[in-house]
Amino acid sequence: MTEINWVLILAVLLFFAVIRFFEKPIVDFILKHAAHKILALAFLIVIGITIFIEGLGKEVRKTQIYVPMGFAMAIQVLQMRHRHHIGKVTKKNPNSVKAQSP
């Protein structure tokens, strides 16, 4: 991080402004894809536990945290794309392909 306080304050305020600006699309996306809610909650829990452990003075390698999180997110994106593709095929010709839910 940095020892310069104004940089930290500016970063937090900028991040807050960006989140407020994109609030509606983010909320709509999360409401549309409920599985992402669960994944985001799991990420928050893992990050919270990591911060707690680091607060106790233990070092946690970030690769042990971020690689599984990235893998889980990649799988979620692939499932979302697959469902979207199945939905397109079913809408074009509903009698030829029966949609399968994973």
Protein backbone atom coordinates (compact mmCIF):
# COMPACT_ATOMS: atom_id res chain seq x y z
CA MET A 1 0.00 0.00 0.00
CA THR A 2 1.15 3.55 0.58
CA GLU A 3 1.96 5.82 3.48
CA ILE A 4 0.51 8.85 1.68
CA ASN A 5 -2.94 9.31 3.21
CA TRP A 6 -4.40 11.48 0.46
CA VAL A 7 -3.75 8.69 -2.07
CA LEU A 8 -5.65 6.20 0.08
CA ILE A 9 -8.54 8.61 0.60
CA LEU A 10 -8.67 9.47 -3.11
CA ALA A 11 -8.64 5.77 -4.06
CA VAL A 12 -11.53 4.98 -1.71
CA LEU A 13 -13.58 7.96 -2.92
CA LEU A 14 -12.90 7.14 -6.57
CA PHE A 15 -13.88 3.51 -6.05
CA PHE A 16 -17.06 4.60 -4.25
CA ALA A 17 -17.97 6.93 -7.14
CA VAL A 18 -17.40 4.18 -9.73
CA ILE A 19 -19.54 1.72 -7.76
CA ARG A 20 -22.33 4.28 -7.37
CA PHE A 21 -22.20 5.02 -11.12
CA PHE A 22 -22.47 1.32 -12.07
CA GLU A 23 -24.83 0.39 -9.23
CA LYS A 24 -27.92 -0.33 -11.36
CA PRO A 25 -26.20 -2.59 -13.93
CA ILE A 26 -24.41 -4.48 -11.15
CA VAL A 27 -27.63 -5.02 -9.18
CA ASP A 28 -29.51 -6.12 -12.31
CA PHE A 29 -26.75 -8.59 -13.21
CA ILE A 30 -26.66 -10.07 -9.71
CA LEU A 31 -30.45 -10.38 -9.54
CA LYS A 32 -30.49 -12.09 -12.94
CA HIS A 33 -27.71 -14.56 -12.05
CA ALA A 34 -28.35 -15.88 -8.54
CA ALA A 35 -25.36 -18.24 -8.60
CA HIS A 36 -23.07 -15.21 -8.76
CA LYS A 37 -24.54 -14.03 -5.45
CA ILE A 38 -23.40 -17.22 -3.76
CA LEU A 39 -19.99 -17.08 -5.42
CA ALA A 40 -19.51 -13.44 -4.37
CA LEU A 41 -20.49 -14.28 -0.80
CA ALA A 42 -17.97 -17.13 -0.76
CA PHE A 43 -15.28 -14.76 -2.08
CA LEU A 44 -16.07 -12.24 0.67
CA ILE A 45 -15.89 -14.94 3.34
CA VAL A 46 -12.54 -16.22 2.04
CA ILE A 47 -11.09 -12.71 1.84
CA GLY A 48 -12.39 -11.91 5.33
CA ILE A 49 -10.83 -15.05 6.79
CA THR A 50 -7.57 -14.23 5.00
CA ILE A 51 -7.52 -10.72 6.45
CA PHE A 52 -8.28 -12.13 9.91
CA ILE A 53 -5.44 -14.66 9.67
CA GLU A 54 -3.02 -11.97 8.49
CA GLY A 55 -4.16 -9.83 11.43
CA LEU A 56 -3.01 -12.63 13.73
CA GLY A 57 0.47 -12.33 12.24
CA LYS A 58 0.38 -15.38 9.98
CA GLU A 59 1.33 -15.00 6.34
CA VAL A 60 -1.07 -16.30 3.71
CA ARG A 61 0.24 -16.72 0.18
CA LYS A 62 -2.07 -14.85 -2.15
CA THR A 63 -1.75 -17.46 -4.89
CA GLN A 64 -3.41 -19.98 -2.57
CA ILE A 65 -6.38 -17.64 -2.38
CA TYR A 66 -6.68 -16.06 -5.82
CA VAL A 67 -6.02 -19.09 -8.05
CA PRO A 68 -8.99 -21.11 -6.71
CA MET A 69 -11.16 -17.98 -6.79
CA GLY A 70 -10.19 -17.36 -10.42
CA PHE A 71 -10.88 -20.98 -11.29
CA ALA A 72 -14.32 -20.85 -9.66
CA MET A 73 -15.12 -17.64 -11.52
CA ALA A 74 -13.98 -19.12 -14.84
CA ILE A 75 -16.22 -22.17 -14.32
CA GLN A 76 -19.14 -19.89 -13.46
CA VAL A 77 -18.60 -17.84 -16.64
CA LEU A 78 -18.42 -21.01 -18.75
CA GLN A 79 -21.68 -22.28 -17.22
CA MET A 80 -23.34 -18.94 -17.86
CA ARG A 81 -22.23 -18.96 -21.52
CA HIS A 82 -23.41 -22.55 -21.92
CA ARG A 83 -26.87 -21.73 -20.54
CA HIS A 84 -27.06 -18.69 -22.82
CA HIS A 85 -26.13 -20.82 -25.86
CA ILE A 86 -28.68 -23.51 -24.96
CA GLY A 87 -31.33 -20.80 -24.58
CA LYS A 88 -30.56 -19.42 -28.05
CA VAL A 89 -30.74 -22.85 -29.67
CA THR A 90 -34.01 -23.64 -27.90
CA LYS A 91 -35.60 -20.33 -28.94
CA LYS A 92 -34.64 -20.81 -32.62
CA ASN A 93 -36.08 -24.30 -32.92
CA PRO A 94 -37.77 -25.52 -29.74
CA ASN A 95 -38.70 -28.92 -31.19
CA SER A 96 -35.24 -29.98 -32.36
CA VAL A 97 -33.18 -29.53 -29.20
CA LYS A 98 -34.36 -30.13 -25.69
CA ALA A 99 -32.65 -27.81 -23.19
CA GLN A 100 -30.70 -29.60 -20.51
CA SER A 101 -30.15 -28.00 -17.15
CA PRO A 102 -26.78 -28.75 -15.54
